[in-house]
PDB file of N, CA and C in Angstrom:
ATOM      1  N   UNK A   1     106.173 105.417 109.772  1.00  0.00           N
ATOM      2  CA  UNK A   1     107.289 105.107 108.903  1.00  0.00           C
ATOM      3  C   UNK A   1     107.190 103.659 108.432  1.00  0.00           C
ATOM      4  N   UNK A   2     107.826 103.389 107.317  1.00  0.00           N
ATOM      5  CA  UNK A   2     107.834 102.032 106.772  1.00  0.00           C
ATOM      6  C   UNK A   2     109.268 101.591 106.525  1.00  0.00           C
ATOM      7  N   UNK A   3     109.474 100.314 106.701  1.00  0.00           N
ATOM      8  CA  UNK A   3     110.748  99.682 106.398  1.00  0.00           C
ATOM      9  C   UNK A   3     110.629  99.112 104.987  1.00  0.00           C
ATOM     10  N   UNK A   4     111.636  99.318 104.160  1.00  0.00           N
ATOM     11  CA  UNK A   4     111.612  98.886 102.764  1.00  0.00           C
ATOM     12  C   UNK A   4     112.465  97.637 102.594  1.00  0.00           C
ATOM     13  N   UNK A   5     111.906  96.647 101.897  1.00  0.00           N
ATOM     14  CA  UNK A   5     112.640  95.418 101.579  1.00  0.00           C
ATOM     15  C   UNK A   5     112.397  95.060 100.125  1.00  0.00           C
ATOM     16  N   UNK A   6     113.301  94.264  99.562  1.00  0.00           N
ATOM     17  CA  UNK A   6     113.103  93.660  98.248  1.00  0.00           C
ATOM     18  C   UNK A   6     113.110  92.147  98.449  1.00  0.00           C
ATOM     19  N   UNK A   7     112.037  91.507  98.016  1.00  0.00           N
ATOM     20  CA  UNK A   7     111.953  90.053  98.075  1.00  0.00           C
ATOM     21  C   UNK A   7     112.737  89.507  96.880  1.00  0.00           C
ATOM     22  N   UNK A   8     113.927  89.008  97.152  1.00  0.00           N
ATOM     23  CA  UNK A   8     114.815  88.557  96.071  1.00  0.00           C
ATOM     24  C   UNK A   8     114.314  87.293  95.386  1.00  0.00           C
ATOM     25  N   UNK A   9     113.361  86.603  95.992  1.00  0.00           N
ATOM     26  CA  UNK A   9     112.782  85.448  95.310  1.00  0.00           C
ATOM     27  C   UNK A   9     111.787  85.884  94.243  1.00  0.00           C
ATOM     28  N   UNK A  10     111.332  87.128  94.324  1.00  0.00           N
ATOM     29  CA  UNK A  10     110.390  87.676  93.343  1.00  0.00           C
ATOM     30  C   UNK A  10     111.036  88.641  92.364  1.00  0.00           C
ATOM     31  N   UNK A  11     112.086  89.331  92.787  1.00  0.00           N
ATOM     32  CA  UNK A  11     112.687  90.377  91.968  1.00  0.00           C
ATOM     33  C   UNK A  11     113.184  89.802  90.647  1.00  0.00           C
ATOM     34  N   UNK A  12     112.758  90.433  89.552  1.00  0.00           N
ATOM     35  CA  UNK A  12     113.140  89.980  88.212  1.00  0.00           C
ATOM     36  C   UNK A  12     114.059  90.982  87.515  1.00  0.00           C
ATOM     37  N   UNK A  13     114.479  92.014  88.241  1.00  0.00           N
ATOM     38  CA  UNK A  13     115.446  92.962  87.702  1.00  0.00           C
ATOM     39  C   UNK A  13     114.900  93.962  86.707  1.00  0.00           C
ATOM     40  N   UNK A  14     113.611  94.270  86.779  1.00  0.00           N
ATOM     41  CA  UNK A  14     113.029  95.253  85.867  1.00  0.00           C
ATOM     42  C   UNK A  14     113.614  96.646  86.076  1.00  0.00           C
ATOM     43  N   UNK A  15     113.925  96.990  87.311  1.00  0.00           N
ATOM     44  CA  UNK A  15     114.502  98.292  87.616  1.00  0.00           C
ATOM     45  C   UNK A  15     113.494  99.411  87.783  1.00  0.00           C
ATOM     46  N   UNK A  16     112.208  99.091  87.786  1.00  0.00           N
ATOM     47  CA  UNK A  16     111.197 100.135  87.949  1.00  0.00           C
ATOM     48  C   UNK A  16     111.313 100.837  89.298  1.00  0.00           C
ATOM     49  N   UNK A  17     111.737 100.097  90.310  1.00  0.00           N
ATOM     50  CA  UNK A  17     111.891 100.705  91.634  1.00  0.00           C
ATOM     51  C   UNK A  17     113.016 101.740  91.619  1.00  0.00           C
ATOM     52  N   UNK A  18     114.082 101.444  90.895  1.00  0.00           N
ATOM     53  CA  UNK A  18     115.202 102.388  90.790  1.00  0.00           C
ATOM     54  C   UNK A  18     114.751 103.645  90.055  1.00  0.00           C
ATOM     55  N   UNK A  19     113.962 103.463  89.002  1.00  0.00           N
ATOM     56  CA  UNK A  19     113.441 104.617  88.261  1.00  0.00           C
ATOM     57  C   UNK A  19     112.546 105.482  89.142  1.00  0.00           C
ATOM     58  N   UNK A  20     111.719 104.836  89.967  1.00  0.00           N
ATOM     59  CA  UNK A  20     110.774 105.565  90.815  1.00  0.00           C
ATOM     60  C   UNK A  20     111.426 106.203  92.033  1.00  0.00           C
ATOM     61  N   UNK A  21     112.464 105.544  92.576  1.00  0.00           N
ATOM     62  CA  UNK A  21     113.087 106.030  93.813  1.00  0.00           C
ATOM     63  C   UNK A  21     114.586 105.730  93.822  1.00  0.00           C
ATOM     64  N   UNK A  22     115.352 106.447  93.009  1.00  0.00           N
ATOM     65  CA  UNK A  22     116.791 106.178  92.947  1.00  0.00           C
ATOM     66  C   UNK A  22     117.539 106.479  94.238  1.00  0.00           C
ATOM     67  N   UNK A  23     116.923 107.243  95.134  1.00  0.00           N
ATOM     68  CA  UNK A  23     117.538 107.520  96.427  1.00  0.00           C
ATOM     69  C   UNK A  23     117.398 106.334  97.376  1.00  0.00           C
ATOM     70  N   UNK A  24     116.471 105.421  97.049  1.00  0.00           N
ATOM     71  CA  UNK A  24     116.154 104.305  97.931  1.00  0.00           C
ATOM     72  C   UNK A  24     116.679 102.970  97.382  1.00  0.00           C
ATOM     73  N   UNK A  25     116.712 102.846  96.047  1.00  0.00           N
ATOM     74  CA  UNK A  25     117.085 101.579  95.410  1.00  0.00           C
ATOM     75  C   UNK A  25     118.201 101.765  94.390  1.00  0.00           C
ATOM     76  N   UNK A  26     118.914 100.670  94.119  1.00  0.00           N
ATOM     77  CA  UNK A  26     119.864 100.605  93.014  1.00  0.00           C
ATOM     78  C   UNK A  26     119.860  99.169  92.502  1.00  0.00           C
ATOM     79  N   UNK A  27     120.355  98.985  91.307  1.00  0.00           N
ATOM     80  CA  UNK A  27     120.499  97.635  90.779  1.00  0.00           C
ATOM     81  C   UNK A  27     121.831  97.079  91.253  1.00  0.00           C
ATOM     82  N   UNK A  28     121.842  95.816  91.603  1.00  0.00           N
ATOM     83  CA  UNK A  28     123.045  95.148  92.069  1.00  0.00           C
ATOM     84  C   UNK A  28     124.086  95.087  90.959  1.00  0.00           C
ATOM     85  N   UNK A  29     125.330  95.240  91.332  1.00  0.00           N
ATOM     86  CA  UNK A  29     126.429  95.147  90.367  1.00  0.00           C
ATOM     87  C   UNK A  29     126.747  93.692  90.030  1.00  0.00           C
ATOM     88  N   UNK A  30     126.311  92.767  90.868  1.00  0.00           N
ATOM     89  CA  UNK A  30     126.666  91.359  90.669  1.00  0.00           C
ATOM     90  C   UNK A  30     125.498  90.477  90.223  1.00  0.00           C
ATOM     91  N   UNK A  31     124.290  90.947  90.399  1.00  0.00           N
ATOM     92  CA  UNK A  31     123.119  90.152  90.016  1.00  0.00           C
ATOM     93  C   UNK A  31     122.059  91.101  89.471  1.00  0.00           C
ATOM     94  N   UNK A  32     121.155  90.581  88.686  1.00  0.00           N
ATOM     95  CA  UNK A  32     120.106  91.413  88.107  1.00  0.00           C
ATOM     96  C   UNK A  32     118.918  91.525  89.046  1.00  0.00           C
ATOM     97  N   UNK A  33     119.188  92.103  90.201  1.00  0.00           N
ATOM     98  CA  UNK A  33     118.155  92.331  91.207  1.00  0.00           C
ATOM     99  C   UNK A  33     118.359  93.718  91.809  1.00  0.00           C
ATOM    100  N   UNK A  34     117.308  94.209  92.434  1.00  0.00           N
ATOM    101  CA  UNK A  34     117.382  95.507  93.104  1.00  0.00           C
ATOM    102  C   UNK A  34     117.929  95.336  94.514  1.00  0.00           C
ATOM    103  N   UNK A  35     118.597  96.377  94.974  1.00  0.00           N
ATOM    104  CA  UNK A  35     119.094  96.442  96.348  1.00  0.00           C
ATOM    105  C   UNK A  35     118.525  97.695  97.003  1.00  0.00           C
ATOM    106  N   UNK A  36     118.296  97.600  98.290  1.00  0.00           N
ATOM    107  CA  UNK A  36     117.786  98.735  99.059  1.00  0.00           C
ATOM    108  C   UNK A  36     118.964  99.536  99.588  1.00  0.00           C
ATOM    109  N   UNK A  37     119.004 100.802  99.252  1.00  0.00           N
ATOM    110  CA  UNK A  37     120.044 101.703  99.768  1.00  0.00           C
ATOM    111  C   UNK A  37     119.645 102.289 101.117  1.00  0.00           C
ATOM    112  N   UNK A  38     118.367 102.584 101.265  1.00  0.00           N
ATOM    113  CA  UNK A  38     117.860 103.203 102.495  1.00  0.00           C
ATOM    114  C   UNK A  38     116.662 102.412 103.002  1.00  0.00           C
ATOM    115  N   UNK A  39     116.892 101.428 103.859  1.00  0.00           N
ATOM    116  CA  UNK A  39     115.795 100.590 104.342  1.00  0.00           C
ATOM    117  C   UNK A  39     114.731 101.351 105.128  1.00  0.00           C
ATOM    118  N   UNK A  40     115.100 102.475 105.702  1.00  0.00           N
ATOM    119  CA  UNK A  40     114.131 103.314 106.399  1.00  0.00           C
ATOM    120  C   UNK A  40     114.247 104.720 105.820  1.00  0.00           C
ATOM    121  N   UNK A  41     113.590 104.950 104.675  1.00  0.00           N
ATOM    122  CA  UNK A  41     113.811 106.183 103.924  1.00  0.00           C
ATOM    123  C   UNK A  41     113.320 107.468 104.571  1.00  0.00           C
ATOM    124  N   UNK A  42     112.451 107.396 105.522  1.00  0.00           N
ATOM    125  CA  UNK A  42     111.971 108.602 106.189  1.00  0.00           C
ATOM    126  C   UNK A  42     110.846 109.263 105.423  1.00  0.00           C
ATOM    127  N   UNK A  43     110.215 110.247 106.050  1.00  0.00           N
ATOM    128  CA  UNK A  43     109.026 110.872 105.469  1.00  0.00           C
ATOM    129  C   UNK A  43     109.298 111.611 104.157  1.00  0.00           C
ATOM    130  N   UNK A  44     110.502 112.111 103.965  1.00  0.00           N
ATOM    131  CA  UNK A  44     110.803 112.852 102.744  1.00  0.00           C
ATOM    132  C   UNK A  44     110.834 111.951 101.509  1.00  0.00           C
ATOM    133  N   UNK A  45     111.059 110.652 101.694  1.00  0.00           N
ATOM    134  CA  UNK A  45     111.108 109.717 100.568  1.00  0.00           C
ATOM    135  C   UNK A  45     109.977 108.687 100.613  1.00  0.00           C
ATOM    136  N   UNK A  46     109.023 108.871 101.502  1.00  0.00           N
ATOM    137  CA  UNK A  46     107.935 107.901 101.653  1.00  0.00           C
ATOM    138  C   UNK A  46     107.115 107.774 100.371  1.00  0.00           C
ATOM    139  N   UNK A  47     106.806 108.883  99.724  1.00  0.00           N
ATOM    140  CA  UNK A  47     106.023 108.828  98.495  1.00  0.00           C
ATOM    141  C   UNK A  47     106.781 108.116  97.383  1.00  0.00           C
ATOM    142  N   UNK A  48     108.082 108.359  97.295  1.00  0.00           N
ATOM    143  CA  UNK A  48     108.903 107.684  96.281  1.00  0.00           C
ATOM    144  C   UNK A  48     108.961 106.181  96.540  1.00  0.00           C
ATOM    145  N   UNK A  49     109.106 105.778  97.788  1.00  0.00           N
ATOM    146  CA  UNK A  49     109.149 104.361  98.130  1.00  0.00           C
ATOM    147  C   UNK A  49     107.818 103.688  97.797  1.00  0.00           C
ATOM    148  N   UNK A  50     106.733 104.365  98.063  1.00  0.00           N
ATOM    149  CA  UNK A  50     105.416 103.828  97.734  1.00  0.00           C
ATOM    150  C   UNK A  50     105.250 103.708  96.223  1.00  0.00           C
ATOM    151  N   UNK A  51     105.701 104.710  95.492  1.00  0.00           N
ATOM    152  CA  UNK A  51     105.637 104.661  94.030  1.00  0.00           C
ATOM    153  C   UNK A  51     106.470 103.499  93.488  1.00  0.00           C
ATOM    154  N   UNK A  52     107.605 103.242  94.108  1.00  0.00           N
ATOM    155  CA  UNK A  52     108.456 102.127  93.693  1.00  0.00           C
ATOM    156  C   UNK A  52     107.752 100.795  93.911  1.00  0.00           C
ATOM    157  N   UNK A  53     107.093 100.645  95.049  1.00  0.00           N
ATOM    158  CA  UNK A  53     106.362  99.411  95.329  1.00  0.00           C
ATOM    159  C   UNK A  53     105.240  99.206  94.320  1.00  0.00           C
ATOM    160  N   UNK A  54     104.555 100.265  93.989  1.00  0.00           N
ATOM    161  CA  UNK A  54     103.460 100.177  93.016  1.00  0.00           C
ATOM    162  C   UNK A  54     103.964  99.910  91.603  1.00  0.00           C
ATOM    163  N   UNK A  55     105.169 100.368  91.289  1.00  0.00           N
ATOM    164  CA  UNK A  55     105.723 100.224  89.945  1.00  0.00           C
ATOM    165  C   UNK A  55     106.328  98.854  89.678  1.00  0.00           C
ATOM    166  N   UNK A  56     106.534  98.063  90.708  1.00  0.00           N
ATOM    167  CA  UNK A  56     107.187  96.767  90.549  1.00  0.00           C
ATOM    168  C   UNK A  56     106.211  95.731  89.985  1.00  0.00           C
ATOM    169  N   UNK A  57     106.431  95.266  88.750  1.00  0.00           N
ATOM    170  CA  UNK A  57     105.513  94.284  88.173  1.00  0.00           C
ATOM    171  C   UNK A  57     105.601  92.913  88.839  1.00  0.00           C
ATOM    172  N   UNK A  58     106.697  92.644  89.527  1.00  0.00           N
ATOM    173  CA  UNK A  58     106.875  91.352  90.208  1.00  0.00           C
ATOM    174  C   UNK A  58     106.399  91.398  91.663  1.00  0.00           C
ATOM    175  N   UNK A  59     105.946  92.576  92.121  1.00  0.00           N
ATOM    176  CA  UNK A  59     105.509  92.768  93.507  1.00  0.00           C
ATOM    177  C   UNK A  59     106.593  92.372  94.494  1.00  0.00           C
ATOM    178  N   UNK A  60     107.841  92.726  94.155  1.00  0.00           N
ATOM    179  CA  UNK A  60     108.986  92.355  94.987  1.00  0.00           C
ATOM    180  C   UNK A  60     109.359  93.429  96.012  1.00  0.00           C
ATOM    181  N   UNK A  61     108.868  94.646  95.826  1.00  0.00           N
ATOM    182  CA  UNK A  61     109.178  95.723  96.759  1.00  0.00           C
ATOM    183  C   UNK A  61     108.126  95.712  97.864  1.00  0.00           C
ATOM    184  N   UNK A  62     108.612  95.555  99.084  1.00  0.00           N
ATOM    185  CA  UNK A  62     107.723  95.437 100.232  1.00  0.00           C
ATOM    186  C   UNK A  62     107.923  96.611 101.182  1.00  0.00           C
ATOM    187  N   UNK A  63     106.843  97.194 101.614  1.00  0.00           N
ATOM    188  CA  UNK A  63     106.867  98.258 102.616  1.00  0.00           C
ATOM    189  C   UNK A  63     106.211  97.699 103.872  1.00  0.00           C
ATOM    190  N   UNK A  64     106.992  97.615 104.936  1.00  0.00           N
ATOM    191  CA  UNK A  64     106.503  97.042 106.193  1.00  0.00           C
ATOM    192  C   UNK A  64     106.408  98.163 107.204  1.00  0.00           C
ATOM    193  N   UNK A  65     105.233  98.343 107.764  1.00  0.00           N
ATOM    194  CA  UNK A  65     105.050  99.398 108.757  1.00  0.00           C
ATOM    195  C   UNK A  65     105.925  99.150 109.979  1.00  0.00           C
ATOM    196  N   UNK A  66     106.586 100.209 110.405  1.00  0.00           N
ATOM    197  CA  UNK A  66     107.391 100.136 111.628  1.00  0.00           C
ATOM    198  C   UNK A  66     106.484 100.304 112.828  1.00  0.00           C
ATOM    199  N   UNK A  67     106.824  99.634 113.898  1.00  0.00           N
ATOM    200  CA  UNK A  67     106.064  99.784 115.135  1.00  0.00           C
ATOM    201  C   UNK A  67     106.634 100.949 115.923  1.00  0.00           C
ATOM    202  N   UNK A  68     105.805 101.877 116.242  1.00  0.00           N
ATOM    203  CA  UNK A  68     106.244 103.038 117.027  1.00  0.00           C
ATOM    204  C   UNK A  68     105.353 103.249 118.199  1.00  0.00           C
TER     205      UNK A  68
END
């Protein structure tokens, strides 16, 4: 499993992560940055989270492997 984070120092508010994985991300109502809805999305959303990380032009979506 992977833990999902958004590096807010890199996020430029493109929203590609939301397009790729709306179950995992949303755009903030107060700032033009992405927010993580499900930091540990589970195996059913792993492909979507990976697609979101790949779609981010600012490389702000981070997937960190969980230790198990």
